[in-house]
PDB file of N, CA and C in Angstrom:
ATOM      1  N   MET A   1      28.027  81.155 186.209  1.00  0.00           N
ATOM      2  CA  MET A   1      28.465  79.823 186.628  1.00  0.00           C
ATOM      3  C   MET A   1      29.354  79.980 187.853  1.00  0.00           C
ATOM      4  N   VAL A   2      29.353  78.957 188.679  1.00  0.00           N
ATOM      5  CA  VAL A   2      30.216  78.908 189.894  1.00  0.00           C
ATOM      6  C   VAL A   2      31.200  77.772 189.700  1.00  0.00           C
ATOM      7  N   TYR A   3      32.415  77.957 190.237  1.00  0.00           N
ATOM      8  CA  TYR A   3      33.496  76.979 190.092  1.00  0.00           C
ATOM      9  C   TYR A   3      34.069  76.673 191.467  1.00  0.00           C
ATOM     10  N   PHE A   4      34.472  75.421 191.699  1.00  0.00           N
ATOM     11  CA  PHE A   4      35.102  74.994 192.922  1.00  0.00           C
ATOM     12  C   PHE A   4      36.464  74.452 192.615  1.00  0.00           C
ATOM     13  N   VAL A   5      37.429  74.771 193.441  1.00  0.00           N
ATOM     14  CA  VAL A   5      38.769  74.201 193.360  1.00  0.00           C
ATOM     15  C   VAL A   5      38.920  73.208 194.502  1.00  0.00           C
ATOM     16  N   THR A   6      39.173  71.988 194.144  1.00  0.00           N
ATOM     17  CA  THR A   6      39.310  70.873 195.133  1.00  0.00           C
ATOM     18  C   THR A   6      40.623  70.228 195.010  1.00  0.00           C
ATOM     19  N   TRP A   7      41.205  69.816 196.119  1.00  0.00           N
ATOM     20  CA  TRP A   7      42.478  69.069 196.067  1.00  0.00           C
ATOM     21  C   TRP A   7      42.384  67.854 196.976  1.00  0.00           C
ATOM     22  N   PHE A   8      43.132  66.826 196.633  1.00  0.00           N
ATOM     23  CA  PHE A   8      43.306  65.720 197.533  1.00  0.00           C
ATOM     24  C   PHE A   8      44.748  65.149 197.326  1.00  0.00           C
ATOM     25  N   CYS A   9      45.393  64.858 198.459  1.00  0.00           N
ATOM     26  CA  CYS A   9      46.795  64.476 198.418  1.00  0.00           C
ATOM     27  C   CYS A   9      47.045  63.289 199.336  1.00  0.00           C
ATOM     28  N   HIS A  10      47.904  62.388 198.831  1.00  0.00           N
ATOM     29  CA  HIS A  10      48.300  61.211 199.600  1.00  0.00           C
ATOM     30  C   HIS A  10      49.552  61.537 200.401  1.00  0.00           C
ATOM     31  N   ASN A  11      49.515  61.256 201.690  1.00  0.00           N
ATOM     32  CA  ASN A  11      50.687  61.473 202.570  1.00  0.00           C
ATOM     33  C   ASN A  11      51.573  60.301 202.521  1.00  0.00           C
ATOM     34  N   ALA A  12      52.784  60.517 202.058  1.00  0.00           N
ATOM     35  CA  ALA A  12      53.783  59.378 201.838  1.00  0.00           C
ATOM     36  C   ALA A  12      54.200  58.792 203.142  1.00  0.00           C
ATOM     37  N   THR A  13      54.167  59.534 204.228  1.00  0.00           N
ATOM     38  CA  THR A  13      54.663  59.067 205.548  1.00  0.00           C
ATOM     39  C   THR A  13      53.660  58.170 206.252  1.00  0.00           C
ATOM     40  N   ASN A  14      52.406  58.616 206.345  1.00  0.00           N
ATOM     41  CA  ASN A  14      51.452  57.906 207.140  1.00  0.00           C
ATOM     42  C   ASN A  14      50.348  57.223 206.342  1.00  0.00           C
ATOM     43  N   ASP A  15      50.426  57.228 205.019  1.00  0.00           N
ATOM     44  CA  ASP A  15      49.494  56.580 204.118  1.00  0.00           C
ATOM     45  C   ASP A  15      48.074  57.143 204.270  1.00  0.00           C
ATOM     46  N   GLY A  16      47.964  58.376 204.739  1.00  0.00           N
ATOM     47  CA  GLY A  16      46.693  59.004 204.869  1.00  0.00           C
ATOM     48  C   GLY A  16      46.384  59.956 203.694  1.00  0.00           C
ATOM     49  N   TRP A  17      45.174  60.486 203.698  1.00  0.00           N
ATOM     50  CA  TRP A  17      44.780  61.431 202.615  1.00  0.00           C
ATOM     51  C   TRP A  17      44.346  62.751 203.242  1.00  0.00           C
ATOM     52  N   ALA A  18      44.779  63.851 202.624  1.00  0.00           N
ATOM     53  CA  ALA A  18      44.263  65.167 202.972  1.00  0.00           C
ATOM     54  C   ALA A  18      43.447  65.661 201.793  1.00  0.00           C
ATOM     55  N   TYR A  19      42.351  66.399 202.067  1.00  0.00           N
ATOM     56  CA  TYR A  19      41.513  66.858 200.972  1.00  0.00           C
ATOM     57  C   TYR A  19      40.735  68.103 201.412  1.00  0.00           C
ATOM     58  N   LYS A  20      40.389  68.904 200.441  1.00  0.00           N
ATOM     59  CA  LYS A  20      39.649  70.143 200.801  1.00  0.00           C
ATOM     60  C   LYS A  20      39.022  70.723 199.541  1.00  0.00           C
ATOM     61  N   VAL A  21      37.847  71.304 199.651  1.00  0.00           N
ATOM     62  CA  VAL A  21      37.315  72.198 198.643  1.00  0.00           C
ATOM     63  C   VAL A  21      37.863  73.560 199.090  1.00  0.00           C
ATOM     64  N   GLU A  22      38.763  74.095 198.276  1.00  0.00           N
ATOM     65  CA  GLU A  22      39.512  75.293 198.605  1.00  0.00           C
ATOM     66  C   GLU A  22      38.635  76.517 198.726  1.00  0.00           C
ATOM     67  N   ASN A  23      37.754  76.703 197.702  1.00  0.00           N
ATOM     68  CA  ASN A  23      36.870  77.861 197.708  1.00  0.00           C
ATOM     69  C   ASN A  23      35.939  77.780 196.512  1.00  0.00           C
ATOM     70  N   LYS A  24      35.021  78.754 196.459  1.00  0.00           N
ATOM     71  CA  LYS A  24      34.043  78.858 195.387  1.00  0.00           C
ATOM     72  C   LYS A  24      34.365  80.176 194.631  1.00  0.00           C
ATOM     73  N   TYR A  25      34.299  80.088 193.324  1.00  0.00           N
ATOM     74  CA  TYR A  25      34.661  81.211 192.463  1.00  0.00           C
ATOM     75  C   TYR A  25      33.580  81.457 191.433  1.00  0.00           C
ATOM     76  N   THR A  26      33.323  82.755 191.092  1.00  0.00           N
ATOM     77  CA  THR A  26      32.376  83.041 190.045  1.00  0.00           C
ATOM     78  C   THR A  26      33.066  83.258 188.701  1.00  0.00           C
ATOM     79  N   SER A  27      34.386  83.254 188.697  1.00  0.00           N
ATOM     80  CA  SER A  27      35.170  83.461 187.494  1.00  0.00           C
ATOM     81  C   SER A  27      36.057  82.222 187.303  1.00  0.00           C
ATOM     82  N   TYR A  28      36.029  81.653 186.094  1.00  0.00           N
ATOM     83  CA  TYR A  28      36.927  80.511 185.816  1.00  0.00           C
ATOM     84  C   TYR A  28      38.356  80.955 185.934  1.00  0.00           C
ATOM     85  N   ASP A  29      38.720  82.165 185.502  1.00  0.00           N
ATOM     86  CA  ASP A  29      40.105  82.612 185.606  1.00  0.00           C
ATOM     87  C   ASP A  29      40.593  82.656 187.069  1.00  0.00           C
ATOM     88  N   ASP A  30      39.725  83.119 187.974  1.00  0.00           N
ATOM     89  CA  ASP A  30      40.107  83.132 189.409  1.00  0.00           C
ATOM     90  C   ASP A  30      40.284  81.679 189.919  1.00  0.00           C
ATOM     91  N   ALA A  31      39.384  80.781 189.484  1.00  0.00           N
ATOM     92  CA  ALA A  31      39.528  79.363 189.900  1.00  0.00           C
ATOM     93  C   ALA A  31      40.828  78.786 189.324  1.00  0.00           C
ATOM     94  N   LEU A  32      41.184  79.149 188.115  1.00  0.00           N
ATOM     95  CA  LEU A  32      42.397  78.622 187.486  1.00  0.00           C
ATOM     96  C   LEU A  32      43.652  79.118 188.206  1.00  0.00           C
ATOM     97  N   LYS A  33      43.612  80.370 188.676  1.00  0.00           N
ATOM     98  CA  LYS A  33      44.756  80.890 189.464  1.00  0.00           C
ATOM     99  C   LYS A  33      44.891  80.082 190.740  1.00  0.00           C
ATOM    100  N   MET A  34      43.829  79.788 191.425  1.00  0.00           N
ATOM    101  CA  MET A  34      43.912  78.978 192.631  1.00  0.00           C
ATOM    102  C   MET A  34      44.338  77.543 192.336  1.00  0.00           C
ATOM    103  N   PHE A  35      43.861  77.012 191.239  1.00  0.00           N
ATOM    104  CA  PHE A  35      44.276  75.669 190.778  1.00  0.00           C
ATOM    105  C   PHE A  35      45.812  75.610 190.710  1.00  0.00           C
ATOM    106  N   HIS A  36      46.380  76.552 189.986  1.00  0.00           N
ATOM    107  CA  HIS A  36      47.858  76.574 189.841  1.00  0.00           C
ATOM    108  C   HIS A  36      48.583  76.807 191.141  1.00  0.00           C
ATOM    109  N   SER A  37      48.015  77.666 191.981  1.00  0.00           N
ATOM    110  CA  SER A  37      48.637  77.922 193.270  1.00  0.00           C
ATOM    111  C   SER A  37      48.674  76.662 194.114  1.00  0.00           C
ATOM    112  N   GLN A  38      47.606  75.917 194.128  1.00  0.00           N
ATOM    113  CA  GLN A  38      47.549  74.697 194.900  1.00  0.00           C
ATOM    114  C   GLN A  38      48.492  73.642 194.376  1.00  0.00           C
ATOM    115  N   MET A  39      48.596  73.468 193.058  1.00  0.00           N
ATOM    116  CA  MET A  39      49.506  72.522 192.456  1.00  0.00           C
ATOM    117  C   MET A  39      50.951  72.886 192.900  1.00  0.00           C
ATOM    118  N   GLU A  40      51.279  74.148 192.719  1.00  0.00           N
ATOM    119  CA  GLU A  40      52.644  74.619 192.996  1.00  0.00           C
ATOM    120  C   GLU A  40      52.999  74.432 194.489  1.00  0.00           C
ATOM    121  N   SER A  41      52.063  74.640 195.371  1.00  0.00           N
ATOM    122  CA  SER A  41      52.374  74.594 196.785  1.00  0.00           C
ATOM    123  C   SER A  41      52.467  73.182 197.291  1.00  0.00           C
ATOM    124  N   LYS A  42      51.925  72.194 196.587  1.00  0.00           N
ATOM    125  CA  LYS A  42      51.832  70.831 197.123  1.00  0.00           C
ATOM    126  C   LYS A  42      52.753  69.830 196.489  1.00  0.00           C
ATOM    127  N   ILE A  43      53.198  70.100 195.214  1.00  0.00           N
ATOM    128  CA  ILE A  43      54.033  69.103 194.574  1.00  0.00           C
ATOM    129  C   ILE A  43      55.519  69.279 194.929  1.00  0.00           C
ATOM    130  N   ASP A  44      56.260  68.219 194.803  1.00  0.00           N
ATOM    131  CA  ASP A  44      57.714  68.220 195.038  1.00  0.00           C
ATOM    132  C   ASP A  44      58.136  68.483 196.487  1.00  0.00           C
ATOM    133  N   GLY A  45      57.165  68.531 197.414  1.00  0.00           N
ATOM    134  CA  GLY A  45      57.532  68.668 198.812  1.00  0.00           C
ATOM    135  C   GLY A  45      57.739  67.304 199.448  1.00  0.00           C
ATOM    136  N   PRO A  46      58.167  67.269 200.709  1.00  0.00           N
ATOM    137  CA  PRO A  46      58.446  66.030 201.369  1.00  0.00           C
ATOM    138  C   PRO A  46      57.219  65.262 201.848  1.00  0.00           C
ATOM    139  N   THR A  47      56.050  65.951 201.913  1.00  0.00           N
ATOM    140  CA  THR A  47      54.862  65.355 202.556  1.00  0.00           C
ATOM    141  C   THR A  47      54.055  64.468 201.589  1.00  0.00           C
ATOM    142  N   TYR A  48      53.739  64.966 200.448  1.00  0.00           N
ATOM    143  CA  TYR A  48      52.803  64.257 199.558  1.00  0.00           C
ATOM    144  C   TYR A  48      53.512  63.572 198.383  1.00  0.00           C
ATOM    145  N   ASP A  49      53.070  62.345 198.097  1.00  0.00           N
ATOM    146  CA  ASP A  49      53.589  61.632 196.941  1.00  0.00           C
ATOM    147  C   ASP A  49      52.568  61.563 195.798  1.00  0.00           C
ATOM    148  N   ILE A  50      51.319  61.929 196.070  1.00  0.00           N
ATOM    149  CA  ILE A  50      50.298  62.033 195.043  1.00  0.00           C
ATOM    150  C   ILE A  50      49.485  63.318 195.320  1.00  0.00           C
ATOM    151  N   VAL A  51      49.376  64.148 194.282  1.00  0.00           N
ATOM    152  CA  VAL A  51      48.586  65.360 194.413  1.00  0.00           C
ATOM    153  C   VAL A  51      47.636  65.518 193.249  1.00  0.00           C
ATOM    154  N   THR A  52      46.374  65.670 193.514  1.00  0.00           N
ATOM    155  CA  THR A  52      45.361  65.922 192.482  1.00  0.00           C
ATOM    156  C   THR A  52      44.629  67.199 192.784  1.00  0.00           C
ATOM    157  N   VAL A  53      44.537  68.037 191.798  1.00  0.00           N
ATOM    158  CA  VAL A  53      43.786  69.365 191.972  1.00  0.00           C
ATOM    159  C   VAL A  53      42.779  69.373 190.822  1.00  0.00           C
ATOM    160  N   MET A  54      41.529  69.805 191.137  1.00  0.00           N
ATOM    161  CA  MET A  54      40.485  69.818 190.133  1.00  0.00           C
ATOM    162  C   MET A  54      39.716  71.144 190.189  1.00  0.00           C
ATOM    163  N   ILE A  55      39.207  71.564 189.029  1.00  0.00           N
ATOM    164  CA  ILE A  55      38.198  72.606 189.012  1.00  0.00           C
ATOM    165  C   ILE A  55      36.920  71.945 188.529  1.00  0.00           C
ATOM    166  N   THR A  56      35.856  72.108 189.301  1.00  0.00           N
ATOM    167  CA  THR A  56      34.547  71.583 188.904  1.00  0.00           C
ATOM    168  C   THR A  56      33.570  72.781 188.886  1.00  0.00           C
ATOM    169  N   ASP A  57      32.530  72.621 188.095  1.00  0.00           N
ATOM    170  CA  ASP A  57      31.503  73.726 188.090  1.00  0.00           C
ATOM    171  C   ASP A  57      30.369  73.306 188.991  1.00  0.00           C
ATOM    172  N   GLY A  58      29.387  74.199 189.067  1.00  0.00           N
ATOM    173  CA  GLY A  58      28.281  73.981 190.019  1.00  0.00           C
ATOM    174  C   GLY A  58      27.390  72.849 189.722  1.00  0.00           C
ATOM    175  N   THR A  59      27.518  72.269 188.522  1.00  0.00           N
ATOM    176  CA  THR A  59      26.711  71.065 188.161  1.00  0.00           C
ATOM    177  C   THR A  59      27.555  69.803 188.187  1.00  0.00           C
ATOM    178  N   GLY A  60      28.776  69.883 188.720  1.00  0.00           N
ATOM    179  CA  GLY A  60      29.619  68.691 188.933  1.00  0.00           C
ATOM    180  C   GLY A  60      30.495  68.327 187.744  1.00  0.00           C
ATOM    181  N   ASN A  61      30.500  69.108 186.684  1.00  0.00           N
ATOM    182  CA  ASN A  61      31.381  68.821 185.577  1.00  0.00           C
ATOM    183  C   ASN A  61      32.823  69.200 185.920  1.00  0.00           C
ATOM    184  N   VAL A  62      33.752  68.299 185.561  1.00  0.00           N
ATOM    185  CA  VAL A  62      35.192  68.572 185.790  1.00  0.00           C
ATOM    186  C   VAL A  62      35.686  69.400 184.656  1.00  0.00           C
ATOM    187  N   ASN A  63      36.095  70.641 184.884  1.00  0.00           N
ATOM    188  CA  ASN A  63      36.602  71.539 183.922  1.00  0.00           C
ATOM    189  C   ASN A  63      38.104  71.365 183.686  1.00  0.00           C
ATOM    190  N   LYS A  64      38.809  71.029 184.783  1.00  0.00           N
ATOM    191  CA  LYS A  64      40.245  70.826 184.704  1.00  0.00           C
ATOM    192  C   LYS A  64      40.644  69.890 185.844  1.00  0.00           C
ATOM    193  N   SER A  65      41.587  68.986 185.535  1.00  0.00           N
ATOM    194  CA  SER A  65      42.061  68.066 186.580  1.00  0.00           C
ATOM    195  C   SER A  65      43.505  67.667 186.212  1.00  0.00           C
ATOM    196  N   GLU A  66      44.357  67.700 187.226  1.00  0.00           N
ATOM    197  CA  GLU A  66      45.765  67.233 187.020  1.00  0.00           C
ATOM    198  C   GLU A  66      46.155  66.424 188.261  1.00  0.00           C
ATOM    199  N   THR A  67      46.957  65.422 187.989  1.00  0.00           N
ATOM    200  CA  THR A  67      47.499  64.591 189.040  1.00  0.00           C
ATOM    201  C   THR A  67      49.015  64.545 188.885  1.00  0.00           C
ATOM    202  N   TRP A  68      49.709  64.737 189.985  1.00  0.00           N
ATOM    203  CA  TRP A  68      51.188  64.604 190.015  1.00  0.00           C
ATOM    204  C   TRP A  68      51.516  63.437 190.930  1.00  0.00           C
ATOM    205  N   ILE A  69      52.389  62.536 190.483  1.00  0.00           N
ATOM    206  CA  ILE A  69      52.785  61.394 191.267  1.00  0.00           C
ATOM    207  C   ILE A  69      54.311  61.460 191.367  1.00  0.00           C
ATOM    208  N   ARG A  70      54.823  61.425 192.578  1.00  0.00           N
ATOM    209  CA  ARG A  70      56.288  61.497 192.784  1.00  0.00           C
ATOM    210  C   ARG A  70      56.913  60.261 192.148  1.00  0.00           C
ATOM    211  N   GLN A  71      57.958  60.475 191.355  1.00  0.00           N
ATOM    212  CA  GLN A  71      58.676  59.358 190.770  1.00  0.00           C
ATOM    213  C   GLN A  71      59.652  58.805 191.774  1.00  0.00           C
ATOM    214  N   THR A  72      59.669  57.524 191.879  1.00  0.00           N
ATOM    215  CA  THR A  72      60.632  56.908 192.835  1.00  0.00           C
ATOM    216  C   THR A  72      61.735  56.224 192.061  1.00  0.00           C
ATOM    217  N   SER A  73      62.893  56.188 192.590  1.00  0.00           N
ATOM    218  CA  SER A  73      64.019  55.527 191.933  1.00  0.00           C
ATOM    219  C   SER A  73      63.832  54.012 192.140  1.00  0.00           C
ATOM    220  N   PRO A  74      64.122  53.229 191.096  1.00  0.00           N
ATOM    221  CA  PRO A  74      63.992  51.809 191.273  1.00  0.00           C
ATOM    222  C   PRO A  74      65.060  51.292 192.288  1.00  0.00           C
ATOM    223  N   GLU A  75      64.705  50.253 192.996  1.00  0.00           N
ATOM    224  CA  GLU A  75      65.638  49.661 193.950  1.00  0.00           C
ATOM    225  C   GLU A  75      66.813  49.062 193.201  1.00  0.00           C
ATOM    226  N   PRO A  76      68.027  49.285 193.681  1.00  0.00           N
ATOM    227  CA  PRO A  76      69.192  48.669 192.962  1.00  0.00           C
ATOM    228  C   PRO A  76      69.186  47.160 193.154  1.00  0.00           C
ATOM    229  N   ASN A  77      69.644  46.490 192.133  1.00  0.00           N
ATOM    230  CA  ASN A  77      69.778  45.030 192.236  1.00  0.00           C
ATOM    231  C   ASN A  77      71.003  44.653 193.009  1.00  0.00           C
ATOM    232  N   GLU A  78      70.852  43.814 193.983  1.00  0.00           N
ATOM    233  CA  GLU A  78      71.969  43.343 194.710  1.00  0.00           C
ATOM    234  C   GLU A  78      72.344  41.966 194.212  1.00  0.00           C
ATOM    235  N   GLU A  79      73.394  41.942 193.449  1.00  0.00           N
ATOM    236  CA  GLU A  79      73.845  40.667 192.842  1.00  0.00           C
ATOM    237  C   GLU A  79      75.186  40.311 193.306  1.00  0.00           C
TER     238      GLU A  79
END
């Protein structure tokens, strides 16, 4: 089986999207390593407020998917 690691991220500054199929892997374990590497490198930084990383197989099945959304502080009430 072949696996693909794909990510897509929302840019908080310009409201754009970045996305890429990172690579193709013949081992799920290797794909999982890249999955975790991509999540770690993209979350909690200043650029992206939404990060999704997925592992899909060669037939399009989603084997793993996670989304991180930056939590924003609520606006203080001015009373």
